[in-house]
Amino acid sequence: MDVRSVCVYVVLCVRSWAGPVEDVTVDRYSLPTLCAREVQQGDYVRYHYTGTFTNGTKFDSSLDKGAPFMGQVGLESKVIPGLDRGVLGMCVNERRKITIPPYLAYGVSGAGSVIPPDTTLVFDVLLLDVWNESDKADSRTLFRPQSCRRSVQRSDFVRYHYNGSLLNGTVFDSSYWRNSTYDTYVGQGDLIKGMDEGLLGMCISERRSIIIPPFLAYGEKGYGSKVPAYATVIFDVLLVDVFNVKDDLQVEVQDVPQSCRRKSQAGDYIRYHYNGTFQDGTLFDSSYQRNHTYNTYIGLGHVIAGMDRALQGVCVGERRRVTIPPHLAYGENGTGSLIPGSAVLIFDLHIIDFHNPSDQVDIRVTRSPPDCSTTGTANDFITYRYNCSLLDGTRLYSSDDYAKPPQVTLGQGKVIEGLEKGLQGMCVGERREVIIPPHFGHGQNGGSGVPSSAVLLFELELLELQKGVPEGYLFLWLEDSPEPLFPAMDLNHNQEVPLEEVRKYTHCFHQIIEYDSDFIFLHKSVLKLYTHYFNFYTHQLRTLWNILEQLRIF
């Protein structure tokens, strides 16, 4: 029945009604806790109803039909006037019992064989939805972070979580069910119109409730069995990520040490710590958790493109925050279970050290004594102090930790090659800072307390220097020696020189020899023996007696 016939019936009903004019009576017997909107004239509504006579006899029900009623209130109404009046002011999820007198129902004529003439009707109504043609997508911010470095714009690619529900609270879909964000472009027609509008201006980690009327959502067709036709939908959205295909690498330098001898470049080998997070702050990886730096070459494609670029031009000790869009990271496929597809990555970097395979030992003199005429060379015996640390300042070990400073003979391979180079050419009282790349240090495998591929910083001070004998010499006279030597030492002329005769000849044998576990050094020698058959340095201390025993062949 159309609106004109309803109006005629109403007029006839009023004229023929003998008793007092009654209006619609409304019993609001169930109210929702919240009521964001009330039905007004001209609104479109969806509701379930059950129609009965006053004696409780049912004559109609939307529930039996399996679909709610949908229509406009008042202007182009498809229902009797009393029902239109009865739903005014209703809230979604409200239940009403609406009693309608005959003149606001089917009047004196009734409705075929279903509704007798002059019948009062009772409708039990549950409001499911309400909207208006003038409605727009209504975005309500539930939470917005204090810091918002970037907001969603048209053509951006976004990743977000959502719960989708109808106005009555029925959840029809959720990204959380799939444990995966919804990923899409904004403003490209890939979303329903209301969502395209509702996402604009959102910040990372912002939460919004986006209420979308049917004509900006799924319209008259709905969405499968999940969203009925002409349904207003609500999306509770959490924005996880946003970027644009035009985005480039972003580098924020947070701390640079005052001293920066060199900056990294392509081909360098670098060691750094990092924390890797998504834009919402979720940590996905950290070198600190493994208590080990990440070590790699840069500029050679060994890491993602964005990181390859971000690690160039850094100083040792520098801290950076780099934001890498997915097209410079792991792309739309992500990697493993750690990085989802199309994820923007943020790395907080701390550069520990870097070197180039072509690097040499870097020596810098920090203190030079006035008299530096005598310097250490191969075969010299030295005593020195040292502090050893990583380039980030981490202390590894120090000679001060021991009772006596270390002693070593230069040129014998008893220390790492880089330290050997750093100690060469020093004079007593001189101090140096020596930077040793790993190929002159402990290499890729590291050492006791030394990480793999670590660049080392040694602070050195030479305490004592004792010149060694020339190549091929076993002993060296410091003063004029008697000739011939052997007869002079053979006090009893028996062609043998036992240890007792040596003591008598030299007066004090223990002053002749200074030694440690690796060598013999005679600094008050009484012998000048030219030989190429004996090594001056031995791995066990031999007594002078044994040496002389062997020398009798001469």
Protein backbone atom coordinates (compact mmCIF):
# COMPACT_ATOMS: atom_id res chain seq x y z
CA MET A 1 0.00 0.00 0.00
CA ASP A 2 1.47 3.39 -1.00
CA VAL A 3 1.56 6.61 0.96
CA ARG A 4 -1.48 8.15 -0.78
CA SER A 5 -3.83 5.30 0.10
CA VAL A 6 -2.55 5.41 3.67
CA CYS A 7 -3.36 9.09 3.90
CA VAL A 8 -6.89 8.52 2.54
CA TYR A 9 -7.49 5.79 5.03
CA VAL A 10 -6.34 8.02 7.81
CA VAL A 11 -8.72 10.80 6.83
CA LEU A 12 -11.64 8.44 6.53
CA CYS A 13 -10.76 6.88 9.82
CA VAL A 14 -10.71 10.21 11.60
CA ARG A 15 -14.05 11.29 10.19
CA SER A 16 -15.86 8.08 11.05
CA TRP A 17 -14.33 7.59 14.49
CA ALA A 18 -17.02 8.08 17.12
CA GLY A 19 -14.92 7.90 20.28
CA PRO A 20 -12.06 10.09 21.46
CA VAL A 21 -8.97 10.25 19.18
CA GLU A 22 -6.15 8.07 20.50
CA ASP A 23 -2.47 8.34 19.67
CA VAL A 24 0.24 5.72 19.40
CA THR A 25 1.40 4.41 22.76
CA VAL A 26 5.04 3.38 23.15
CA ASP A 27 6.54 1.10 25.77
CA ARG A 28 10.36 1.41 25.72
CA TYR A 29 10.95 -1.78 27.63
CA SER A 30 14.61 -2.32 26.70
CA LEU A 31 17.11 0.48 26.26
CA PRO A 32 20.80 0.23 25.25
CA THR A 33 23.48 1.59 27.54
CA LEU A 34 24.64 4.04 24.90
CA CYS A 35 22.58 5.82 22.30
CA ALA A 36 24.69 7.64 19.74
CA ARG A 37 21.74 8.56 17.55
CA GLU A 38 17.93 8.61 17.61
CA VAL A 39 15.59 8.02 14.67
CA GLN A 40 14.30 11.20 13.08
CA GLN A 41 11.89 12.02 10.29
CA GLY A 42 13.49 11.22 6.94
CA ASP A 43 15.94 8.67 8.32
CA TYR A 44 16.27 5.22 6.88
CA VAL A 45 15.83 2.37 9.35
CA ARG A 46 16.27 -1.38 9.54
CA TYR A 47 14.39 -3.24 12.23
CA HIS A 48 12.89 -6.54 13.12
CA TYR A 49 9.26 -6.58 14.14
CA THR A 50 6.51 -8.90 15.25
CA GLY A 51 2.91 -7.73 14.76
CA THR A 52 0.10 -9.01 16.99
CA PHE A 53 -3.46 -8.17 17.91
CA THR A 54 -4.21 -7.03 21.40
CA ASN A 55 -5.05 -10.62 22.34
CA GLY A 56 -1.50 -11.69 21.39
CA THR A 57 -2.37 -13.36 18.11
CA LYS A 58 0.50 -12.87 15.65
CA PHE A 59 -0.34 -11.76 12.16
CA ASP A 60 3.12 -10.85 10.75
CA SER A 61 6.84 -11.00 11.62
CA SER A 62 10.09 -10.08 9.85
CA LEU A 63 11.76 -12.87 11.78
CA ASP A 64 9.60 -15.39 9.97
CA LYS A 65 10.67 -13.86 6.67
CA GLY A 66 14.35 -14.10 7.58
CA ALA A 67 15.10 -10.45 6.82
CA PRO A 68 14.51 -7.18 8.69
CA PHE A 69 12.34 -4.40 7.35
CA MET A 70 14.20 -1.49 5.66
CA GLY A 71 12.56 1.79 4.75
CA GLN A 72 12.45 5.55 5.22
CA VAL A 73 10.59 7.11 8.10
CA GLY A 74 7.86 9.57 7.22
CA LEU A 75 8.56 11.02 3.81
CA GLU A 76 8.18 8.05 1.52
CA SER A 77 7.10 5.57 4.10
CA LYS A 78 5.98 2.10 3.13
CA VAL A 79 4.34 1.41 6.48
CA ILE A 80 1.25 2.52 8.36
CA PRO A 81 1.55 5.98 9.99
CA GLY A 82 1.38 4.64 13.51
CA LEU A 83 4.46 2.52 13.04
CA ASP A 84 6.34 5.50 11.61
CA ARG A 85 5.38 7.51 14.67
CA GLY A 86 6.28 4.67 16.98
CA VAL A 87 9.90 4.37 15.86
CA LEU A 88 10.70 8.08 16.14
CA GLY A 89 13.39 8.67 18.79
CA MET A 90 14.43 5.01 18.86
CA CYS A 91 18.04 4.00 19.46
CA VAL A 92 19.84 1.09 17.86
CA ASN A 93 19.34 -2.04 19.99
CA GLU A 94 16.30 -0.50 21.66
CA ARG A 95 13.17 -2.62 21.95
CA ARG A 96 9.73 -1.08 21.92
CA LYS A 97 6.17 -2.27 22.14
CA ILE A 98 4.15 0.09 19.94
CA THR A 99 0.35 0.05 20.25
CA ILE A 100 -1.36 1.63 17.24
CA PRO A 101 -5.05 2.61 17.16
CA PRO A 102 -7.08 1.69 14.03
CA TYR A 103 -7.09 5.16 12.47
CA LEU A 104 -3.22 5.11 12.43
CA ALA A 105 -3.23 1.53 11.22
CA TYR A 106 -5.59 -0.01 8.64
CA GLY A 107 -8.72 1.86 9.76
CA VAL A 108 -12.27 0.83 9.01
CA SER A 109 -11.26 -1.23 5.98
CA GLY A 110 -8.67 -3.46 7.57
CA ALA A 111 -6.18 -5.32 5.36
CA GLY A 112 -7.70 -8.18 3.46
CA SER A 113 -8.24 -11.31 5.44
CA VAL A 114 -5.27 -10.60 7.74
CA ILE A 115 -6.33 -7.41 9.55
CA PRO A 116 -10.02 -6.98 10.44
CA PRO A 117 -11.58 -3.50 10.26
CA ASP A 118 -11.15 -1.12 13.21
CA THR A 119 -8.37 -3.25 14.72
CA THR A 120 -5.78 -2.01 17.19
CA LEU A 121 -2.34 -3.43 16.39
CA VAL A 122 0.68 -4.11 18.59
CA PHE A 123 4.22 -4.17 17.14
CA ASP A 124 7.25 -5.43 19.01
CA VAL A 125 10.20 -3.68 17.35
CA LEU A 126 14.00 -4.11 17.64
CA LEU A 127 15.92 -1.34 15.88
CA LEU A 128 19.00 -2.62 14.03
CA ASP A 129 20.17 0.37 12.01
CA VAL A 130 19.53 4.01 11.25
CA TRP A 131 21.09 6.30 8.64
CA ASN A 132 20.38 9.31 6.47
CA GLU A 133 21.21 10.19 2.89
CA SER A 134 23.12 13.22 4.15
CA ASP A 135 25.39 11.09 6.32
CA LYS A 136 29.13 10.91 5.73
CA ALA A 137 31.74 8.54 7.06
CA ASP A 138 32.02 9.47 10.73
CA SER A 139 35.55 9.02 12.10
CA ARG A 140 35.90 9.16 15.85
CA THR A 141 39.40 9.14 17.32
CA LEU A 142 39.67 6.79 20.28
CA PHE A 143 43.42 7.20 20.80
CA ARG A 144 46.04 9.36 19.14
CA PRO A 145 49.75 9.24 20.07
CA GLN A 146 51.37 12.46 21.20
CA SER A 147 53.98 12.21 18.48
CA CYS A 148 52.67 11.97 14.94
CA ARG A 149 55.48 12.31 12.44
CA ARG A 150 53.28 11.40 9.52
CA SER A 151 49.58 10.93 8.75
CA VAL A 152 47.78 8.97 6.06
CA GLN A 153 47.27 10.70 2.72
CA ARG A 154 45.76 9.61 -0.55
CA SER A 155 47.93 7.16 -2.51
CA ASP A 156 49.64 5.95 0.69
CA PHE A 157 49.94 2.26 1.40
CA VAL A 158 48.65 1.29 4.84
CA ARG A 159 48.64 -1.75 7.09
CA TYR A 160 45.99 -1.82 9.79
CA HIS A 161 44.10 -4.09 12.12
CA TYR A 162 40.34 -3.82 12.38
CA ASN A 163 37.18 -5.18 13.89
CA GLY A 164 34.15 -4.81 11.64
CA SER A 165 30.69 -4.77 13.21
CA LEU A 166 27.12 -3.73 12.51
CA LEU A 167 25.42 -0.97 14.47
CA ASN A 168 23.86 -3.51 16.77
CA GLY A 169 27.31 -4.76 17.77
CA THR A 170 27.38 -7.93 15.71
CA VAL A 171 30.99 -8.51 14.62
CA PHE A 172 31.12 -9.66 11.01
CA ASP A 173 34.89 -9.66 10.40
CA SER A 174 38.23 -9.05 12.10
CA SER A 175 41.84 -8.97 10.95
CA TYR A 176 42.80 -10.32 14.37
CA TRP A 177 41.05 -13.59 13.53
CA ARG A 178 43.61 -14.07 10.76
CA ASN A 179 46.50 -12.69 12.82
CA SER A 180 47.38 -10.46 9.91
CA THR A 181 46.92 -6.80 9.08
CA TYR A 182 44.82 -5.61 6.18
CA ASP A 183 47.19 -4.08 3.63
CA THR A 184 46.03 -1.74 0.88
CA TYR A 185 46.37 1.59 -0.88
CA VAL A 186 44.25 4.53 0.25
CA GLY A 187 42.27 6.64 -2.21
CA GLN A 188 42.78 4.27 -5.13
CA GLY A 189 39.35 2.62 -5.07
CA ASP A 190 40.60 -0.54 -3.41
CA LEU A 191 38.42 0.07 -0.34
CA ILE A 192 34.79 0.94 0.24
CA LYS A 193 34.37 4.70 -0.06
CA GLY A 194 33.74 5.28 3.61
CA MET A 195 36.94 3.52 4.63
CA ASP A 196 38.93 5.43 2.03
CA GLU A 197 37.73 8.63 3.69
CA GLY A 198 37.91 7.40 7.27
CA LEU A 199 41.59 6.45 7.13
CA LEU A 200 42.80 9.85 5.96
CA GLY A 201 44.81 11.76 8.54
CA MET A 202 45.45 8.76 10.79
CA CYS A 203 48.79 8.42 12.62
CA ILE A 204 50.76 5.29 13.39
CA SER A 205 49.25 3.61 16.49
CA GLU A 206 46.12 5.77 16.29
CA ARG A 207 42.79 4.08 16.98
CA ARG A 208 39.61 5.18 15.28
CA SER A 209 36.01 4.11 15.13
CA ILE A 210 34.76 4.72 11.59
CA ILE A 211 30.97 4.63 11.14
CA ILE A 212 30.03 4.18 7.49
CA PRO A 213 26.47 4.48 6.11
CA PRO A 214 25.33 1.81 3.63
CA PHE A 215 25.71 3.94 0.50
CA LEU A 216 29.41 4.45 1.39
CA ALA A 217 29.80 0.81 2.43
CA TYR A 218 28.28 -2.30 0.85
CA GLY A 219 24.98 -0.77 -0.29
CA GLU A 220 21.95 -2.71 -1.34
CA LYS A 221 23.92 -5.89 -2.02
CA GLY A 222 25.63 -6.16 1.33
CA TYR A 223 28.72 -8.33 1.63
CA GLY A 224 27.97 -12.00 1.29
CA SER A 225 26.43 -13.49 4.38
CA LYS A 226 28.42 -11.21 6.66
CA VAL A 227 26.92 -7.79 5.96
CA PRO A 228 23.20 -7.51 5.13
CA ALA A 229 21.89 -5.13 2.50
CA TYR A 230 21.58 -1.48 3.51
CA ALA A 231 23.67 -1.97 6.64
CA THR A 232 25.66 0.70 8.40
CA VAL A 233 29.04 -0.73 9.33
CA ILE A 234 31.54 0.25 12.02
CA PHE A 235 35.25 -0.38 11.72
CA ASP A 236 37.42 -0.07 14.81
CA VAL A 237 40.83 0.54 13.25
CA LEU A 238 44.38 0.43 14.60
CA LEU A 239 46.89 1.87 12.13
CA VAL A 240 50.08 -0.19 12.15
CA ASP A 241 52.04 1.13 9.20
CA VAL A 242 52.00 3.71 6.42
CA PHE A 243 54.34 4.59 3.59
CA ASN A 244 54.32 5.87 0.04
CA VAL A 245 55.99 4.29 -2.94
CA LYS A 246 57.84 7.59 -3.42
CA ASP A 247 59.39 7.37 0.06
CA ASP A 248 63.16 7.25 0.36
CA LEU A 249 65.48 6.19 3.16
CA GLN A 250 65.27 8.48 6.19
CA VAL A 251 68.35 8.91 8.39
CA GLU A 252 68.23 10.67 11.75
CA VAL A 253 71.69 11.17 13.25
CA GLN A 254 71.27 11.05 17.02
CA ASP A 255 74.84 11.18 18.32
CA VAL A 256 78.24 11.71 16.69
CA PRO A 257 81.47 11.45 18.70
CA GLN A 258 83.65 14.56 18.78
CA SER A 259 86.55 12.66 17.28
CA CYS A 260 85.85 11.03 13.93
CA ARG A 261 89.05 9.94 12.18
CA ARG A 262 87.25 8.50 9.19
CA LYS A 263 83.81 7.68 7.88
CA SER A 264 82.67 4.36 6.50
CA GLN A 265 82.46 3.78 2.78
CA ALA A 266 81.55 1.04 0.36
CA GLY A 267 83.81 -1.97 0.73
CA ASP A 268 84.36 -1.51 4.46
CA TYR A 269 83.65 -4.27 6.95
CA ILE A 270 81.50 -2.97 9.79
CA ARG A 271 80.37 -4.18 13.21
CA TYR A 272 77.27 -2.60 14.73
CA HIS A 273 74.54 -3.15 17.26
CA TYR A 274 70.89 -2.55 16.38
CA ASN A 275 67.32 -2.67 17.56
CA GLY A 276 64.82 -3.30 14.77
CA THR A 277 61.21 -2.18 15.24
CA PHE A 278 58.12 -1.55 13.18
CA GLN A 279 56.57 1.90 13.05
CA ASP A 280 54.20 1.05 15.89
CA GLY A 281 57.20 0.35 18.14
CA THR A 282 56.99 -3.45 18.07
CA LEU A 283 60.49 -4.95 18.39
CA PHE A 284 61.16 -7.66 15.82
CA ASP A 285 64.91 -8.19 16.24
CA SER A 286 67.90 -6.99 18.25
CA SER A 287 71.62 -7.74 18.20
CA TYR A 288 71.70 -6.94 21.92
CA GLN A 289 69.50 -9.97 22.59
CA ARG A 290 72.24 -12.15 21.10
CA ASN A 291 75.01 -10.19 22.85
CA HIS A 292 76.82 -10.03 19.53
CA THR A 293 77.26 -7.34 16.92
CA TYR A 294 76.05 -7.74 13.37
CA ASN A 295 79.12 -7.94 11.14
CA THR A 296 79.05 -7.39 7.39
CA TYR A 297 80.56 -5.68 4.38
CA ILE A 298 78.73 -2.57 3.21
CA GLY A 299 78.02 -1.38 -0.29
CA LEU A 300 78.27 -4.89 -1.69
CA GLY A 301 74.63 -6.00 -1.39
CA HIS A 302 75.14 -8.21 1.64
CA VAL A 303 72.32 -6.46 3.53
CA ILE A 304 69.00 -4.90 2.47
CA ALA A 305 69.40 -1.88 0.18
CA GLY A 306 68.25 0.66 2.76
CA MET A 307 70.69 -0.61 5.38
CA ASP A 308 73.51 -0.72 2.84
CA ARG A 309 73.02 3.00 2.27
CA ALA A 310 72.41 3.88 5.92
CA LEU A 311 75.72 2.36 7.05
CA GLN A 312 77.82 4.46 4.69
CA GLY A 313 79.26 7.73 5.95
CA VAL A 314 79.09 6.81 9.65
CA CYS A 315 81.71 7.38 12.36
CA VAL A 316 82.83 4.86 14.95
CA GLY A 317 80.59 5.36 17.98
CA GLU A 318 77.87 7.14 15.99
CA ARG A 319 74.21 6.44 16.71
CA ARG A 320 71.57 6.66 13.99
CA ARG A 321 67.89 5.96 13.55
CA VAL A 322 67.04 4.88 10.03
CA THR A 323 63.56 4.41 8.59
CA ILE A 324 63.49 2.05 5.64
CA PRO A 325 60.40 1.74 3.38
CA PRO A 326 59.58 -1.80 2.26
CA HIS A 327 60.82 -1.28 -1.31
CA LEU A 328 64.29 -0.74 0.23
CA ALA A 329 63.81 -3.52 2.79
CA TYR A 330 62.01 -6.87 2.41
CA GLY A 331 59.31 -5.78 -0.03
CA GLU A 332 55.77 -7.02 -0.24
CA ASN A 333 56.72 -10.58 0.72
CA GLY A 334 58.54 -9.81 3.97
CA THR A 335 60.84 -12.48 5.34
CA GLY A 336 60.11 -15.50 7.50
CA SER A 337 57.88 -15.01 10.49
CA LEU A 338 59.66 -11.85 11.66
CA ILE A 339 58.93 -9.31 8.92
CA PRO A 340 55.45 -9.15 7.36
CA GLY A 341 54.99 -8.07 3.78
CA SER A 342 55.15 -4.33 2.98
CA ALA A 343 56.53 -3.44 6.41
CA VAL A 344 58.38 -0.20 7.11
CA LEU A 345 61.39 -0.93 9.31
CA ILE A 346 63.10 1.30 11.86
CA PHE A 347 66.64 0.50 12.99
CA ASP A 348 68.39 2.18 15.90
CA LEU A 349 72.08 1.71 15.10
CA HIS A 350 75.23 1.98 17.21
CA ILE A 351 78.43 1.73 15.18
CA ILE A 352 81.06 -0.25 17.08
CA ASP A 353 83.86 -0.24 14.50
CA PHE A 354 84.68 -0.69 10.85
CA HIS A 355 87.75 -1.30 8.76
CA ASN A 356 88.81 -1.97 5.22
CA PRO A 357 90.74 -5.09 4.20
CA SER A 358 93.41 -2.74 2.82
CA ASP A 359 93.84 -0.90 6.15
CA GLN A 360 97.29 -0.79 7.74
CA VAL A 361 98.15 -0.37 11.41
CA ASP A 362 97.44 3.25 12.35
CA ILE A 363 100.05 4.69 14.73
CA ARG A 364 99.71 8.05 16.45
CA VAL A 365 102.38 9.34 18.86
CA THR A 366 100.72 10.98 21.86
CA ARG A 367 103.90 11.76 23.82
CA SER A 368 107.47 11.93 22.60
CA PRO A 369 110.35 12.32 25.11
CA PRO A 370 113.05 14.95 24.46
CA ASP A 371 115.71 12.32 23.79
CA CYS A 372 114.46 9.74 21.35
CA SER A 373 117.73 8.71 19.71
CA THR A 374 117.51 5.04 20.62
CA THR A 375 114.46 3.20 19.31
CA GLY A 376 113.35 -0.38 19.40
CA THR A 377 114.02 -2.67 16.46
CA ALA A 378 114.04 -6.40 15.80
CA ASN A 379 115.79 -8.48 18.49
CA ASP A 380 115.51 -5.71 21.10
CA PHE A 381 114.18 -6.65 24.50
CA ILE A 382 111.54 -4.23 25.79
CA THR A 383 109.31 -3.62 28.78
CA TYR A 384 106.07 -1.75 28.11
CA ARG A 385 102.63 -0.76 29.43
CA TYR A 386 99.40 -1.08 27.50
CA ASN A 387 95.65 -0.63 27.63
CA CYS A 388 93.61 -2.49 25.03
CA SER A 389 90.03 -1.56 24.16
CA LEU A 390 87.50 -1.69 21.35
CA LEU A 391 86.91 1.45 19.34
CA ASP A 392 83.67 2.13 21.21
CA GLY A 393 85.68 2.40 24.43
CA THR A 394 84.97 -1.07 25.80
CA ARG A 395 88.03 -2.05 27.85
CA LEU A 396 89.36 -5.52 27.10
CA TYR A 397 92.55 -5.85 29.14
CA SER A 398 95.44 -3.85 30.57
CA SER A 399 99.00 -4.47 31.74
CA ASP A 400 98.00 -2.70 34.96
CA ASP A 401 95.98 -5.80 35.81
CA TYR A 402 99.22 -7.73 36.40
CA ALA A 403 101.99 -7.48 38.99
CA LYS A 404 104.70 -6.74 36.42
CA PRO A 405 104.55 -5.06 33.03
CA PRO A 406 105.02 -7.37 30.04
CA GLN A 407 108.39 -7.95 28.37
CA VAL A 408 108.99 -9.14 24.86
CA THR A 409 111.72 -9.42 22.25
CA LEU A 410 110.75 -7.57 19.12
CA GLY A 411 110.57 -9.37 15.81
CA GLN A 412 110.03 -12.85 17.22
CA GLY A 413 106.26 -13.15 16.65
CA LYS A 414 105.39 -13.38 20.32
CA VAL A 415 102.58 -10.79 20.07
CA ILE A 416 99.93 -10.12 17.41
CA GLU A 417 101.35 -8.63 14.24
CA GLY A 418 99.66 -5.25 14.68
CA LEU A 419 101.04 -4.81 18.18
CA GLU A 420 104.48 -5.79 16.91
CA LYS A 421 104.27 -3.03 14.32
CA GLY A 422 103.04 -0.56 16.92
CA LEU A 423 105.95 -1.29 19.27
CA GLN A 424 108.62 -0.98 16.60
CA GLY A 425 110.51 2.31 16.56
CA MET A 426 109.50 3.42 20.06
CA CYS A 427 111.91 5.06 22.47
CA VAL A 428 111.82 4.88 26.24
CA GLY A 429 109.12 7.20 27.61
CA GLU A 430 107.25 7.43 24.32
CA ARG A 431 103.48 6.90 24.25
CA ARG A 432 101.39 5.83 21.29
CA GLU A 433 97.84 5.08 20.26
CA VAL A 434 97.79 2.19 17.84
CA ILE A 435 94.67 1.13 15.93
CA ILE A 436 94.93 -2.45 14.73
CA PRO A 437 92.51 -3.83 12.10
CA PRO A 438 91.50 -7.46 12.65
CA HIS A 439 93.72 -8.83 9.87
CA PHE A 440 96.67 -7.59 11.97
CA GLY A 441 94.94 -8.56 15.22
CA HIS A 442 92.85 -11.57 16.16
CA GLY A 443 91.08 -11.96 12.81
CA GLN A 444 87.62 -13.30 12.09
CA ASN A 445 87.75 -15.79 14.95
CA GLY A 446 88.66 -13.27 17.63
CA GLY A 447 90.60 -14.25 20.73
CA SER A 448 90.17 -14.62 24.45
CA GLY A 449 87.85 -11.76 25.35
CA VAL A 450 88.20 -10.27 21.86
CA PRO A 451 85.15 -10.36 19.54
CA SER A 452 85.51 -11.66 16.01
CA SER A 453 86.68 -9.14 13.40
CA ALA A 454 87.25 -6.51 16.08
CA VAL A 455 89.38 -3.42 15.50
CA LEU A 456 91.59 -2.90 18.56
CA LEU A 457 92.93 0.27 20.14
CA PHE A 458 96.20 -0.06 22.07
CA GLU A 459 97.55 2.71 24.29
CA LEU A 460 101.26 1.97 24.64
CA GLU A 461 104.13 3.31 26.74
CA LEU A 462 107.71 2.03 26.42
CA LEU A 463 109.31 1.61 29.86
CA GLU A 464 112.65 -0.08 29.14
CA LEU A 465 114.70 -0.91 26.07
CA GLN A 466 117.66 -3.31 25.91
CA LYS A 467 119.31 -3.56 22.53
CA GLY A 468 119.69 -7.05 21.15
CA VAL A 469 122.70 -8.71 19.50
CA PRO A 470 123.15 -8.48 15.73
CA GLU A 471 121.90 -11.23 13.50
CA GLY A 472 124.17 -14.28 13.74
CA TYR A 473 125.66 -13.34 17.13
CA LEU A 474 125.19 -15.43 20.23
CA PHE A 475 127.03 -13.13 22.65
CA LEU A 476 128.44 -9.67 22.24
CA TRP A 477 131.30 -7.99 24.06
CA LEU A 478 130.39 -4.60 25.43
CA GLU A 479 134.04 -3.94 26.32
CA ASP A 480 137.36 -5.16 24.99
CA SER A 481 137.71 -8.94 25.35
CA PRO A 482 140.89 -10.89 26.14
CA GLU A 483 142.50 -12.93 23.38
CA PRO A 484 142.49 -15.83 23.17
CA LEU A 485 139.28 -16.23 25.17
CA PHE A 486 139.13 -20.00 25.69
CA PRO A 487 142.57 -20.35 27.27
CA ALA A 488 141.80 -17.38 29.49
CA MET A 489 138.67 -19.11 30.80
CA ASP A 490 140.34 -22.56 31.04
CA LEU A 491 141.89 -21.77 34.39
CA ASN A 492 143.36 -25.26 35.01
CA HIS A 493 144.41 -25.74 31.38
CA ASN A 494 142.65 -29.08 31.02
CA GLN A 495 140.91 -28.10 27.78
CA GLU A 496 137.57 -27.88 29.59
CA VAL A 497 135.68 -24.89 30.94
CA PRO A 498 133.22 -26.06 33.60
CA LEU A 499 130.63 -23.80 35.19
CA GLU A 500 132.85 -23.18 38.21
CA GLU A 501 135.60 -21.72 36.03
CA VAL A 502 133.08 -19.49 34.30
CA ARG A 503 131.90 -18.17 37.66
CA LYS A 504 135.44 -17.45 38.73
CA TYR A 505 136.23 -15.77 35.46
CA THR A 506 133.16 -13.58 35.48
CA HIS A 507 133.12 -13.21 39.29
CA CYS A 508 129.32 -13.43 39.41
CA PHE A 509 127.53 -15.70 36.93
CA HIS A 510 124.05 -14.62 37.97
CA GLN A 511 124.81 -11.07 36.82
CA ILE A 512 125.74 -12.30 33.40
CA ILE A 513 122.38 -13.74 32.42
CA GLU A 514 118.91 -12.27 32.51
CA TYR A 515 116.20 -14.53 31.23
CA ASP A 516 112.57 -15.44 31.06
CA SER A 517 110.93 -18.60 29.79
CA ASP A 518 111.55 -17.76 26.14
CA PHE A 519 115.08 -16.37 25.78
CA ILE A 520 118.56 -15.72 27.19
CA PHE A 521 120.01 -12.21 27.20
CA LEU A 522 123.58 -11.49 28.31
CA HIS A 523 124.01 -7.80 28.89
CA LYS A 524 127.39 -8.09 30.71
CA SER A 525 128.80 -10.71 28.42
CA VAL A 526 132.46 -11.74 28.61
CA LEU A 527 132.39 -13.62 25.32
CA LYS A 528 132.44 -12.60 21.74
CA LEU A 529 131.51 -15.71 19.81
CA TYR A 530 130.82 -15.58 16.12
CA THR A 531 128.55 -18.41 15.16
CA HIS A 532 125.77 -19.13 12.75
CA TYR A 533 125.07 -22.54 14.25
CA PHE A 534 123.16 -21.49 17.37
CA ASN A 535 120.10 -19.41 17.91
CA PHE A 536 120.37 -16.73 20.54
CA TYR A 537 116.72 -17.22 21.42
CA THR A 538 115.72 -20.65 22.71
CA HIS A 539 112.52 -22.14 24.16
CA GLN A 540 114.26 -23.35 27.30
CA LEU A 541 117.00 -21.83 29.32
CA ARG A 542 120.30 -23.53 28.73
CA THR A 543 123.13 -23.05 31.15
CA LEU A 544 126.29 -21.46 30.01
CA TRP A 545 127.96 -24.76 30.73
CA ASN A 546 125.96 -26.48 27.97
CA ILE A 547 126.73 -23.68 25.58
CA LEU A 548 130.45 -23.92 26.28
CA GLU A 549 130.33 -27.68 25.94
CA GLN A 550 129.01 -27.23 22.43
CA LEU A 551 131.51 -24.49 21.63
CA ARG A 552 134.54 -26.77 22.26
CA ILE A 553 134.33 -27.86 18.63
CA PHE A 554 135.94 -24.56 17.76
